[in-house]
PDB file of all heavy atoms in Angstrom:
ATOM      1  N   SER A   1     -12.149 -19.210   7.404  1.00  0.00           N
ATOM      2  CA  SER A   1     -13.264 -18.973   8.322  1.00  0.00           C
ATOM      3  C   SER A   1     -14.401 -18.234   7.624  1.00  0.00           C
ATOM      4  O   SER A   1     -15.581 -18.572   7.792  1.00  0.00           O
ATOM      5  CB  SER A   1     -12.778 -18.167   9.529  1.00  0.00           C
ATOM      6  OG  SER A   1     -13.849 -17.754  10.339  1.00  0.00           O
ATOM      7  N   ILE A   2     -14.070 -17.233   6.805  1.00  0.00           N
ATOM      8  CA  ILE A   2     -15.089 -16.441   6.111  1.00  0.00           C
ATOM      9  C   ILE A   2     -15.821 -17.291   5.077  1.00  0.00           C
ATOM     10  O   ILE A   2     -17.049 -17.204   4.932  1.00  0.00           O
ATOM     11  CB  ILE A   2     -14.445 -15.210   5.455  1.00  0.00           C
ATOM     12  CG1 ILE A   2     -13.916 -14.266   6.539  1.00  0.00           C
ATOM     13  CG2 ILE A   2     -15.436 -14.490   4.553  1.00  0.00           C
ATOM     14  CD1 ILE A   2     -13.013 -13.183   5.999  1.00  0.00           C
ATOM     15  N   ILE A   3     -15.084 -18.123   4.346  1.00  0.00           N
ATOM     16  CA  ILE A   3     -15.708 -19.015   3.360  1.00  0.00           C
ATOM     17  C   ILE A   3     -16.726 -19.922   4.037  1.00  0.00           C
ATOM     18  O   ILE A   3     -17.864 -20.079   3.576  1.00  0.00           O
ATOM     19  CB  ILE A   3     -14.635 -19.841   2.630  1.00  0.00           C
ATOM     20  CG1 ILE A   3     -13.766 -18.930   1.751  1.00  0.00           C
ATOM     21  CG2 ILE A   3     -15.283 -20.936   1.782  1.00  0.00           C
ATOM     22  CD1 ILE A   3     -12.549 -19.621   1.179  1.00  0.00           C
ATOM     23  N   ASN A   4     -16.321 -20.523   5.154  1.00  0.00           N
ATOM     24  CA  ASN A   4     -17.224 -21.413   5.879  1.00  0.00           C
ATOM     25  C   ASN A   4     -18.427 -20.655   6.448  1.00  0.00           C
ATOM     26  O   ASN A   4     -19.556 -21.156   6.443  1.00  0.00           O
ATOM     27  CB  ASN A   4     -16.474 -22.126   6.999  1.00  0.00           C
ATOM     28  CG  ASN A   4     -15.469 -23.135   6.486  1.00  0.00           C
ATOM     29  OD1 ASN A   4     -15.623 -23.668   5.382  1.00  0.00           O
ATOM     30  ND2 ASN A   4     -14.434 -23.409   7.267  1.00  0.00           N
ATOM     31  N   LEU A   5     -18.172 -19.444   6.934  1.00  0.00           N
ATOM     32  CA  LEU A   5     -19.266 -18.628   7.475  1.00  0.00           C
ATOM     33  C   LEU A   5     -20.277 -18.287   6.382  1.00  0.00           C
ATOM     34  O   LEU A   5     -21.491 -18.388   6.588  1.00  0.00           O
ATOM     35  CB  LEU A   5     -18.698 -17.347   8.084  1.00  0.00           C
ATOM     36  CG  LEU A   5     -19.717 -16.314   8.587  1.00  0.00           C
ATOM     37  CD1 LEU A   5     -20.560 -16.897   9.701  1.00  0.00           C
ATOM     38  CD2 LEU A   5     -19.000 -15.041   9.055  1.00  0.00           C
ATOM     39  N   ARG A   6     -19.762 -17.891   5.229  1.00  0.00           N
ATOM     40  CA  ARG A   6     -20.662 -17.552   4.121  1.00  0.00           C
ATOM     41  C   ARG A   6     -21.525 -18.752   3.731  1.00  0.00           C
ATOM     42  O   ARG A   6     -22.751 -18.619   3.590  1.00  0.00           O
ATOM     43  CB  ARG A   6     -19.858 -17.080   2.904  1.00  0.00           C
ATOM     44  CG  ARG A   6     -20.734 -16.769   1.698  1.00  0.00           C
ATOM     45  CD  ARG A   6     -19.932 -16.462   0.443  1.00  0.00           C
ATOM     46  NE  ARG A   6     -20.829 -16.162  -0.668  1.00  0.00           N
ATOM     47  CZ  ARG A   6     -20.428 -15.892  -1.897  1.00  0.00           C
ATOM     48  NH1 ARG A   6     -19.137 -15.875  -2.202  1.00  0.00           N
ATOM     49  NH2 ARG A   6     -21.312 -15.640  -2.850  1.00  0.00           N
ATOM     50  N   HIS A   7     -20.908 -19.908   3.568  1.00  0.00           N
ATOM     51  CA  HIS A   7     -21.664 -21.104   3.177  1.00  0.00           C
ATOM     52  C   HIS A   7     -22.713 -21.450   4.226  1.00  0.00           C
ATOM     53  O   HIS A   7     -23.841 -21.841   3.888  1.00  0.00           O
ATOM     54  CB  HIS A   7     -20.708 -22.276   2.976  1.00  0.00           C
ATOM     55  CG  HIS A   7     -19.840 -22.124   1.763  1.00  0.00           C
ATOM     56  ND1 HIS A   7     -18.723 -22.898   1.539  1.00  0.00           N
ATOM     57  CD2 HIS A   7     -19.912 -21.268   0.714  1.00  0.00           C
ATOM     58  CE1 HIS A   7     -18.157 -22.530   0.401  1.00  0.00           C
ATOM     59  NE2 HIS A   7     -18.860 -21.552  -0.111  1.00  0.00           N
ATOM     60  N   GLY A   8     -22.352 -21.313   5.490  1.00  0.00           N
ATOM     61  CA  GLY A   8     -23.305 -21.623   6.560  1.00  0.00           C
ATOM     62  C   GLY A   8     -24.489 -20.674   6.576  1.00  0.00           C
ATOM     63  O   GLY A   8     -25.645 -21.103   6.737  1.00  0.00           O
ATOM     64  N   LEU A   9     -24.216 -19.384   6.404  1.00  0.00           N
ATOM     65  CA  LEU A   9     -25.299 -18.399   6.389  1.00  0.00           C
ATOM     66  C   LEU A   9     -26.204 -18.590   5.176  1.00  0.00           C
ATOM     67  O   LEU A   9     -27.431 -18.473   5.283  1.00  0.00           O
ATOM     68  CB  LEU A   9     -24.713 -16.988   6.393  1.00  0.00           C
ATOM     69  CG  LEU A   9     -24.045 -16.543   7.702  1.00  0.00           C
ATOM     70  CD1 LEU A   9     -23.315 -15.220   7.499  1.00  0.00           C
ATOM     71  CD2 LEU A   9     -25.075 -16.413   8.824  1.00  0.00           C
ATOM     72  N   GLU A  10     -25.594 -18.879   4.020  1.00  0.00           N
ATOM     73  CA  GLU A  10     -26.398 -19.105   2.815  1.00  0.00           C
ATOM     74  C   GLU A  10     -27.256 -20.357   2.952  1.00  0.00           C
ATOM     75  O   GLU A  10     -28.389 -20.401   2.452  1.00  0.00           O
ATOM     76  CB  GLU A  10     -25.485 -19.184   1.595  1.00  0.00           C
ATOM     77  CG  GLU A  10     -24.885 -17.830   1.220  1.00  0.00           C
ATOM     78  CD  GLU A  10     -23.903 -17.915   0.068  1.00  0.00           C
ATOM     79  OE1 GLU A  10     -23.348 -19.013  -0.184  1.00  0.00           O
ATOM     80  OE2 GLU A  10     -23.674 -16.872  -0.574  1.00  0.00           O
ATOM     81  N   ALA A  11     -26.735 -21.370   3.631  1.00  0.00           N
ATOM     82  CA  ALA A  11     -27.515 -22.592   3.843  1.00  0.00           C
ATOM     83  C   ALA A  11     -28.740 -22.323   4.716  1.00  0.00           C
ATOM     84  O   ALA A  11     -29.744 -23.049   4.634  1.00  0.00           O
ATOM     85  CB  ALA A  11     -26.639 -23.666   4.494  1.00  0.00           C
ATOM     86  N   LEU A  12     -28.664 -21.273   5.523  1.00  0.00           N
ATOM     87  CA  LEU A  12     -29.794 -20.887   6.374  1.00  0.00           C
ATOM     88  C   LEU A  12     -30.759 -19.951   5.655  1.00  0.00           C
ATOM     89  O   LEU A  12     -31.745 -19.504   6.236  1.00  0.00           O
ATOM     90  CB  LEU A  12     -29.274 -20.219   7.649  1.00  0.00           C
ATOM     91  CG  LEU A  12     -28.497 -21.122   8.610  1.00  0.00           C
ATOM     92  CD1 LEU A  12     -27.885 -20.289   9.738  1.00  0.00           C
ATOM     93  CD2 LEU A  12     -29.413 -22.204   9.192  1.00  0.00           C
ATOM     94  N   GLY A  13     -30.442 -19.621   4.398  1.00  0.00           N
ATOM     95  CA  GLY A  13     -31.353 -18.810   3.600  1.00  0.00           C
ATOM     96  C   GLY A  13     -31.012 -17.332   3.515  1.00  0.00           C
ATOM     97  O   GLY A  13     -31.785 -16.550   2.944  1.00  0.00           O
ATOM     98  N   HIS A  14     -29.859 -16.929   4.064  1.00  0.00           N
ATOM     99  CA  HIS A  14     -29.463 -15.522   4.018  1.00  0.00           C
ATOM    100  C   HIS A  14     -28.723 -15.216   2.720  1.00  0.00           C
ATOM    101  O   HIS A  14     -28.100 -16.101   2.109  1.00  0.00           O
ATOM    102  CB  HIS A  14     -28.565 -15.178   5.209  1.00  0.00           C
ATOM    103  CG  HIS A  14     -29.217 -15.419   6.540  1.00  0.00           C
ATOM    104  ND1 HIS A  14     -30.301 -14.687   6.974  1.00  0.00           N
ATOM    105  CD2 HIS A  14     -28.946 -16.333   7.519  1.00  0.00           C
ATOM    106  CE1 HIS A  14     -30.665 -15.121   8.172  1.00  0.00           C
ATOM    107  NE2 HIS A  14     -29.865 -16.122   8.527  1.00  0.00           N
ATOM    108  N   GLU A  15     -28.776 -13.964   2.305  1.00  0.00           N
ATOM    109  CA  GLU A  15     -28.021 -13.500   1.143  1.00  0.00           C
ATOM    110  C   GLU A  15     -26.758 -12.822   1.660  1.00  0.00           C
ATOM    111  O   GLU A  15     -26.841 -11.866   2.431  1.00  0.00           O
ATOM    112  CB  GLU A  15     -28.847 -12.514   0.313  1.00  0.00           C
ATOM    113  CG  GLU A  15     -28.153 -12.084  -0.970  1.00  0.00           C
ATOM    114  CD  GLU A  15     -29.015 -11.164  -1.818  1.00  0.00           C
ATOM    115  OE1 GLU A  15     -30.036 -10.643  -1.299  1.00  0.00           O
ATOM    116  OE2 GLU A  15     -28.671 -10.953  -3.001  1.00  0.00           O
ATOM    117  N   VAL A  16     -25.602 -13.318   1.249  1.00  0.00           N
ATOM    118  CA  VAL A  16     -24.331 -12.858   1.807  1.00  0.00           C
ATOM    119  C   VAL A  16     -23.466 -12.231   0.727  1.00  0.00           C
ATOM    120  O   VAL A  16     -23.254 -12.817  -0.343  1.00  0.00           O
ATOM    121  CB  VAL A  16     -23.566 -14.034   2.469  1.00  0.00           C
ATOM    122  CG1 VAL A  16     -22.254 -13.534   3.074  1.00  0.00           C
ATOM    123  CG2 VAL A  16     -24.432 -14.695   3.538  1.00  0.00           C
ATOM    124  N   TYR A  17     -22.962 -11.056   1.027  1.00  0.00           N
ATOM    125  CA  TYR A  17     -22.000 -10.367   0.167  1.00  0.00           C
ATOM    126  C   TYR A  17     -20.659 -10.293   0.889  1.00  0.00           C
ATOM    127  O   TYR A  17     -20.607 -10.100   2.108  1.00  0.00           O
ATOM    128  CB  TYR A  17     -22.464  -8.947  -0.159  1.00  0.00           C
ATOM    129  CG  TYR A  17     -23.612  -8.878  -1.133  1.00  0.00           C
ATOM    130  CD1 TYR A  17     -24.929  -9.025  -0.694  1.00  0.00           C
ATOM    131  CD2 TYR A  17     -23.386  -8.667  -2.495  1.00  0.00           C
ATOM    132  CE1 TYR A  17     -25.993  -8.959  -1.581  1.00  0.00           C
ATOM    133  CE2 TYR A  17     -24.453  -8.603  -3.390  1.00  0.00           C
ATOM    134  CZ  TYR A  17     -25.744  -8.750  -2.928  1.00  0.00           C
ATOM    135  OH  TYR A  17     -26.791  -8.691  -3.811  1.00  0.00           O
ATOM    136  N   ILE A  18     -19.589 -10.457   0.129  1.00  0.00           N
ATOM    137  CA  ILE A  18     -18.231 -10.300   0.659  1.00  0.00           C
ATOM    138  C   ILE A  18     -17.663  -9.015   0.078  1.00  0.00           C
ATOM    139  O   ILE A  18     -17.656  -8.833  -1.140  1.00  0.00           O
ATOM    140  CB  ILE A  18     -17.328 -11.488   0.268  1.00  0.00           C
ATOM    141  CG1 ILE A  18     -17.955 -12.822   0.676  1.00  0.00           C
ATOM    142  CG2 ILE A  18     -15.944 -11.314   0.885  1.00  0.00           C
ATOM    143  CD1 ILE A  18     -18.090 -13.033   2.163  1.00  0.00           C
ATOM    144  N   VAL A  19     -17.194  -8.123   0.944  1.00  0.00           N
ATOM    145  CA  VAL A  19     -16.555  -6.883   0.508  1.00  0.00           C
ATOM    146  C   VAL A  19     -15.071  -7.008   0.847  1.00  0.00           C
ATOM    147  O   VAL A  19     -14.702  -7.085   2.024  1.00  0.00           O
ATOM    148  CB  VAL A  19     -17.169  -5.654   1.192  1.00  0.00           C
ATOM    149  CG1 VAL A  19     -16.597  -4.370   0.594  1.00  0.00           C
ATOM    150  CG2 VAL A  19     -18.692  -5.670   1.062  1.00  0.00           C
ATOM    151  N   ALA A  20     -14.237  -7.078  -0.195  1.00  0.00           N
ATOM    152  CA  ALA A  20     -12.835  -7.427  -0.001  1.00  0.00           C
ATOM    153  C   ALA A  20     -11.934  -6.632  -0.941  1.00  0.00           C
ATOM    154  O   ALA A  20     -12.400  -6.101  -1.955  1.00  0.00           O
ATOM    155  CB  ALA A  20     -12.643  -8.927  -0.235  1.00  0.00           C
ATOM    156  N   PRO A  21     -10.644  -6.566  -0.644  1.00  0.00           N
ATOM    157  CA  PRO A  21      -9.722  -5.851  -1.532  1.00  0.00           C
ATOM    158  C   PRO A  21      -9.592  -6.522  -2.892  1.00  0.00           C
ATOM    159  O   PRO A  21      -9.682  -7.752  -3.008  1.00  0.00           O
ATOM    160  CB  PRO A  21      -8.379  -5.908  -0.766  1.00  0.00           C
ATOM    161  CG  PRO A  21      -8.736  -6.242   0.635  1.00  0.00           C
ATOM    162  CD  PRO A  21      -9.973  -7.070   0.563  1.00  0.00           C
ATOM    163  N   ALA A  22      -9.389  -5.708  -3.919  1.00  0.00           N
ATOM    164  CA  ALA A  22      -9.093  -6.247  -5.245  1.00  0.00           C
ATOM    165  C   ALA A  22      -7.686  -6.814  -5.256  1.00  0.00           C
ATOM    166  O   ALA A  22      -6.796  -6.321  -4.549  1.00  0.00           O
ATOM    167  CB  ALA A  22      -9.224  -5.144  -6.291  1.00  0.00           C
ATOM    168  N   THR A  23      -7.477  -7.864  -6.034  1.00  0.00           N
ATOM    169  CA  THR A  23      -6.169  -8.491  -6.154  1.00  0.00           C
ATOM    170  C   THR A  23      -5.719  -8.438  -7.609  1.00  0.00           C
ATOM    171  O   THR A  23      -6.466  -8.857  -8.503  1.00  0.00           O
ATOM    172  CB  THR A  23      -6.219  -9.963  -5.682  1.00  0.00           C
ATOM    173  OG1 THR A  23      -6.645  -9.992  -4.317  1.00  0.00           O
ATOM    174  CG2 THR A  23      -4.852 -10.613  -5.791  1.00  0.00           C
ATOM    175  N   ARG A  24      -4.539  -7.928  -7.826  1.00  0.00           N
ATOM    176  CA  ARG A  24      -4.028  -7.782  -9.197  1.00  0.00           C
ATOM    177  C   ARG A  24      -3.997  -9.131  -9.908  1.00  0.00           C
ATOM    178  O   ARG A  24      -3.529 -10.130  -9.356  1.00  0.00           O
ATOM    179  CB  ARG A  24      -2.631  -7.167  -9.178  1.00  0.00           C
ATOM    180  CG  ARG A  24      -2.017  -6.977 -10.571  1.00  0.00           C
ATOM    181  CD  ARG A  24      -0.663  -6.324 -10.495  1.00  0.00           C
ATOM    182  NE  ARG A  24      -0.753  -4.964  -9.985  1.00  0.00           N
ATOM    183  CZ  ARG A  24       0.303  -4.156  -9.847  1.00  0.00           C
ATOM    184  NH1 ARG A  24       1.513  -4.596 -10.167  1.00  0.00           N
ATOM    185  NH2 ARG A  24       0.133  -2.935  -9.381  1.00  0.00           N
ATOM    186  N   GLY A  25      -4.518  -9.165 -11.123  1.00  0.00           N
ATOM    187  CA  GLY A  25      -4.508 -10.381 -11.921  1.00  0.00           C
ATOM    188  C   GLY A  25      -5.690 -11.300 -11.672  1.00  0.00           C
ATOM    189  O   GLY A  25      -5.855 -12.296 -12.384  1.00  0.00           O
ATOM    190  N   HIS A  26      -6.501 -10.974 -10.671  1.00  0.00           N
ATOM    191  CA  HIS A  26      -7.654 -11.824 -10.360  1.00  0.00           C
ATOM    192  C   HIS A  26      -8.918 -11.203 -10.925  1.00  0.00           C
ATOM    193  O   HIS A  26      -9.270 -10.071 -10.592  1.00  0.00           O
ATOM    194  CB  HIS A  26      -7.798 -12.002  -8.848  1.00  0.00           C
ATOM    195  CG  HIS A  26      -9.022 -12.771  -8.441  1.00  0.00           C
ATOM    196  ND1 HIS A  26      -9.145 -14.127  -8.637  1.00  0.00           N
ATOM    197  CD2 HIS A  26     -10.187 -12.369  -7.864  1.00  0.00           C
ATOM    198  CE1 HIS A  26     -10.313 -14.541  -8.192  1.00  0.00           C
ATOM    199  NE2 HIS A  26     -10.965 -13.491  -7.722  1.00  0.00           N
ATOM    200  N   LYS A  27      -9.619 -11.931 -11.793  1.00  0.00           N
ATOM    201  CA  LYS A  27     -10.859 -11.452 -12.372  1.00  0.00           C
ATOM    202  C   LYS A  27     -12.026 -12.043 -11.593  1.00  0.00           C
ATOM    203  O   LYS A  27     -12.215 -13.253 -11.557  1.00  0.00           O
ATOM    204  CB  LYS A  27     -10.957 -11.856 -13.851  1.00  0.00           C
ATOM    205  CG  LYS A  27     -12.192 -11.304 -14.543  1.00  0.00           C
ATOM    206  CD  LYS A  27     -12.209 -11.668 -16.027  1.00  0.00           C
ATOM    207  CE  LYS A  27     -13.442 -11.093 -16.714  1.00  0.00           C
ATOM    208  NZ  LYS A  27     -13.474 -11.443 -18.164  1.00  0.00           N
ATOM    209  N   GLU A  28     -12.814 -11.167 -10.974  1.00  0.00           N
ATOM    210  CA  GLU A  28     -13.907 -11.634 -10.130  1.00  0.00           C
ATOM    211  C   GLU A  28     -15.104 -12.073 -10.980  1.00  0.00           C
ATOM    212  O   GLU A  28     -15.536 -11.360 -11.887  1.00  0.00           O
ATOM    213  CB  GLU A  28     -14.339 -10.521  -9.167  1.00  0.00           C
ATOM    214  CG  GLU A  28     -15.295 -10.979  -8.089  1.00  0.00           C
ATOM    215  CD  GLU A  28     -14.707 -12.135  -7.297  1.00  0.00           C
ATOM    216  OE1 GLU A  28     -13.732 -11.900  -6.557  1.00  0.00           O
ATOM    217  OE2 GLU A  28     -15.204 -13.273  -7.460  1.00  0.00           O
ATOM    218  N   THR A  29     -15.638 -13.257 -10.688  1.00  0.00           N
ATOM    219  CA  THR A  29     -16.790 -13.794 -11.416  1.00  0.00           C
ATOM    220  C   THR A  29     -18.012 -13.966 -10.510  1.00  0.00           C
ATOM    221  O   THR A  29     -19.087 -14.288 -10.998  1.00  0.00           O
ATOM    222  CB  THR A  29     -16.438 -15.145 -12.049  1.00  0.00           C
ATOM    223  OG1 THR A  29     -16.013 -16.058 -11.020  1.00  0.00           O
ATOM    224  CG2 THR A  29     -15.321 -14.990 -13.081  1.00  0.00           C
ATOM    225  N   ASP A  30     -17.828 -13.770  -9.228  1.00  0.00           N
ATOM    226  CA  ASP A  30     -18.919 -13.939  -8.259  1.00  0.00           C
ATOM    227  C   ASP A  30     -19.591 -12.590  -8.044  1.00  0.00           C
ATOM    228  O   ASP A  30     -18.965 -11.648  -7.546  1.00  0.00           O
ATOM    229  CB  ASP A  30     -18.343 -14.473  -6.941  1.00  0.00           C
ATOM    230  CG  ASP A  30     -19.430 -14.857  -5.936  1.00  0.00           C
ATOM    231  OD1 ASP A  30     -20.518 -14.255  -5.980  1.00  0.00           O
ATOM    232  OD2 ASP A  30     -19.157 -15.726  -5.088  1.00  0.00           O
ATOM    233  N   ASP A  31     -20.872 -12.480  -8.388  1.00  0.00           N
ATOM    234  CA  ASP A  31     -21.553 -11.188  -8.280  1.00  0.00           C
ATOM    235  C   ASP A  31     -21.897 -10.811  -6.839  1.00  0.00           C
ATOM    236  O   ASP A  31     -22.444  -9.729  -6.581  1.00  0.00           O
ATOM    237  CB  ASP A  31     -22.815 -11.154  -9.152  1.00  0.00           C
ATOM    238  CG  ASP A  31     -23.853 -12.197  -8.745  1.00  0.00           C
ATOM    239  OD1 ASP A  31     -23.630 -12.923  -7.756  1.00  0.00           O
ATOM    240  OD2 ASP A  31     -24.900 -12.274  -9.416  1.00  0.00           O
ATOM    241  N   HIS A  32     -21.587 -11.685  -5.900  1.00  0.00           N
ATOM    242  CA  HIS A  32     -21.797 -11.370  -4.490  1.00  0.00           C
ATOM    243  C   HIS A  32     -20.475 -11.050  -3.777  1.00  0.00           C
ATOM    244  O   HIS A  32     -20.426 -11.015  -2.548  1.00  0.00           O
ATOM    245  CB  HIS A  32     -22.530 -12.504  -3.783  1.00  0.00           C
ATOM    246  CG  HIS A  32     -24.023 -12.438  -3.962  1.00  0.00           C
ATOM    247  ND1 HIS A  32     -24.619 -12.444  -5.201  1.00  0.00           N
ATOM    248  CD2 HIS A  32     -25.045 -12.322  -3.069  1.00  0.00           C
ATOM    249  CE1 HIS A  32     -25.932 -12.359  -5.063  1.00  0.00           C
ATOM    250  NE2 HIS A  32     -26.210 -12.279  -3.785  1.00  0.00           N
ATOM    251  N   ILE A  33     -19.433 -10.856  -4.553  1.00  0.00           N
ATOM    252  CA  ILE A  33     -18.161 -10.387  -4.004  1.00  0.00           C
ATOM    253  C   ILE A  33     -17.885  -9.005  -4.581  1.00  0.00           C
ATOM    254  O   ILE A  33     -17.806  -8.833  -5.798  1.00  0.00           O
ATOM    255  CB  ILE A  33     -17.011 -11.348  -4.330  1.00  0.00           C
ATOM    256  CG1 ILE A  33     -17.257 -12.713  -3.673  1.00  0.00           C
ATOM    257  CG2 ILE A  33     -15.674 -10.763  -3.853  1.00  0.00           C
ATOM    258  CD1 ILE A  33     -16.189 -13.744  -3.971  1.00  0.00           C
ATOM    259  N   ILE A  34     -17.770  -8.031  -3.711  1.00  0.00           N
ATOM    260  CA  ILE A  34     -17.541  -6.642  -4.110  1.00  0.00           C
ATOM    261  C   ILE A  34     -16.093  -6.304  -3.819  1.00  0.00           C
ATOM    262  O   ILE A  34     -15.646  -6.379  -2.664  1.00  0.00           O
ATOM    263  CB  ILE A  34     -18.486  -5.694  -3.348  1.00  0.00           C
ATOM    264  CG1 ILE A  34     -19.945  -6.077  -3.628  1.00  0.00           C
ATOM    265  CG2 ILE A  34     -18.215  -4.241  -3.719  1.00  0.00           C
ATOM    266  CD1 ILE A  34     -20.931  -5.402  -2.704  1.00  0.00           C
ATOM    267  N   ARG A  35     -15.360  -5.953  -4.865  1.00  0.00           N
ATOM    268  CA  ARG A  35     -13.942  -5.668  -4.711  1.00  0.00           C
ATOM    269  C   ARG A  35     -13.704  -4.167  -4.543  1.00  0.00           C
ATOM    270  O   ARG A  35     -14.317  -3.334  -5.208  1.00  0.00           O
ATOM    271  CB  ARG A  35     -13.163  -6.172  -5.926  1.00  0.00           C
ATOM    272  CG  ARG A  35     -13.200  -7.691  -6.080  1.00  0.00           C
ATOM    273  CD  ARG A  35     -12.394  -8.400  -5.013  1.00  0.00           C
ATOM    274  NE  ARG A  35     -12.427  -9.858  -5.171  1.00  0.00           N
ATOM    275  CZ  ARG A  35     -11.689 -10.710  -4.459  1.00  0.00           C
ATOM    276  NH1 ARG A  35     -10.862 -10.246  -3.545  1.00  0.00           N
ATOM    277  NH2 ARG A  35     -11.789 -12.011  -4.657  1.00  0.00           N
ATOM    278  N   VAL A  36     -12.773  -3.850  -3.644  1.00  0.00           N
ATOM    279  CA  VAL A  36     -12.403  -2.469  -3.339  1.00  0.00           C
ATOM    280  C   VAL A  36     -10.974  -2.233  -3.810  1.00  0.00           C
ATOM    281  O   VAL A  36     -10.102  -3.096  -3.611  1.00  0.00           O
ATOM    282  CB  VAL A  36     -12.517  -2.201  -1.820  1.00  0.00           C
ATOM    283  CG1 VAL A  36     -12.079  -0.778  -1.482  1.00  0.00           C
ATOM    284  CG2 VAL A  36     -13.954  -2.448  -1.349  1.00  0.00           C
ATOM    285  N   PHE A  37     -10.743  -1.104  -4.436  1.00  0.00           N
ATOM    286  CA  PHE A  37      -9.403  -0.767  -4.908  1.00  0.00           C
ATOM    287  C   PHE A  37      -8.377  -0.980  -3.800  1.00  0.00           C
ATOM    288  O   PHE A  37      -8.595  -0.608  -2.645  1.00  0.00           O
ATOM    289  CB  PHE A  37      -9.347   0.684  -5.380  1.00  0.00           C
ATOM    290  CG  PHE A  37      -7.962   1.159  -5.735  1.00  0.00           C
ATOM    291  CD1 PHE A  37      -7.359   0.763  -6.917  1.00  0.00           C
ATOM    292  CD2 PHE A  37      -7.268   1.990  -4.864  1.00  0.00           C
ATOM    293  CE1 PHE A  37      -6.077   1.193  -7.240  1.00  0.00           C
ATOM    294  CE2 PHE A  37      -5.987   2.425  -5.173  1.00  0.00           C
ATOM    295  CZ  PHE A  37      -5.392   2.020  -6.362  1.00  0.00           C
ATOM    296  N   ALA A  38      -7.232  -1.589  -4.168  1.00  0.00           N
ATOM    297  CA  ALA A  38      -6.212  -1.894  -3.168  1.00  0.00           C
ATOM    298  C   ALA A  38      -4.822  -1.694  -3.761  1.00  0.00           C
ATOM    299  O   ALA A  38      -4.634  -1.708  -4.979  1.00  0.00           O
ATOM    300  CB  ALA A  38      -6.369  -3.326  -2.665  1.00  0.00           C
ATOM    301  N   VAL A  39      -3.869  -1.505  -2.869  1.00  0.00           N
ATOM    302  CA  VAL A  39      -2.471  -1.373  -3.265  1.00  0.00           C
ATOM    303  C   VAL A  39      -1.656  -2.407  -2.491  1.00  0.00           C
ATOM    304  O   VAL A  39      -2.106  -2.934  -1.479  1.00  0.00           O
ATOM    305  CB  VAL A  39      -1.924   0.043  -2.981  1.00  0.00           C
ATOM    306  CG1 VAL A  39      -2.669   1.087  -3.804  1.00  0.00           C
ATOM    307  CG2 VAL A  39      -2.025   0.368  -1.485  1.00  0.00           C
ATOM    308  N   ASP A  40      -0.473  -2.681  -3.006  1.00  0.00           N
ATOM    309  CA  ASP A  40       0.438  -3.598  -2.326  1.00  0.00           C
ATOM    310  C   ASP A  40       1.549  -2.773  -1.678  1.00  0.00           C
ATOM    311  O   ASP A  40       2.478  -2.335  -2.356  1.00  0.00           O
ATOM    312  CB  ASP A  40       1.035  -4.598  -3.321  1.00  0.00           C
ATOM    313  CG  ASP A  40       1.926  -5.625  -2.625  1.00  0.00           C
ATOM    314  OD1 ASP A  40       2.100  -5.530  -1.395  1.00  0.00           O
ATOM    315  OD2 ASP A  40       2.448  -6.509  -3.327  1.00  0.00           O
ATOM    316  N   PRO A  41       1.468  -2.528  -0.371  1.00  0.00           N
ATOM    317  CA  PRO A  41       2.504  -1.724   0.298  1.00  0.00           C
ATOM    318  C   PRO A  41       3.821  -2.458   0.481  1.00  0.00           C
ATOM    319  O   PRO A  41       4.807  -1.878   0.924  1.00  0.00           O
ATOM    320  CB  PRO A  41       1.863  -1.395   1.644  1.00  0.00           C
ATOM    321  CG  PRO A  41       0.931  -2.537   1.889  1.00  0.00           C
ATOM    322  CD  PRO A  41       0.425  -2.978   0.539  1.00  0.00           C
TER     323      PRO A  41
END
C-alpha cells in the first residue's frame, strides 16, 4: 500500500520521503528513504 501511495503522490508532483526501520543486511540506495535504527525483538 505504501509503495503504491508513494508512486501515486510522486506522479502528482509531490516529493515523498519514507521513514522506516533499518533492516540488517540491507544497504539503502534510495536517498528518499530514511532508515531508523531498529532491533529484532
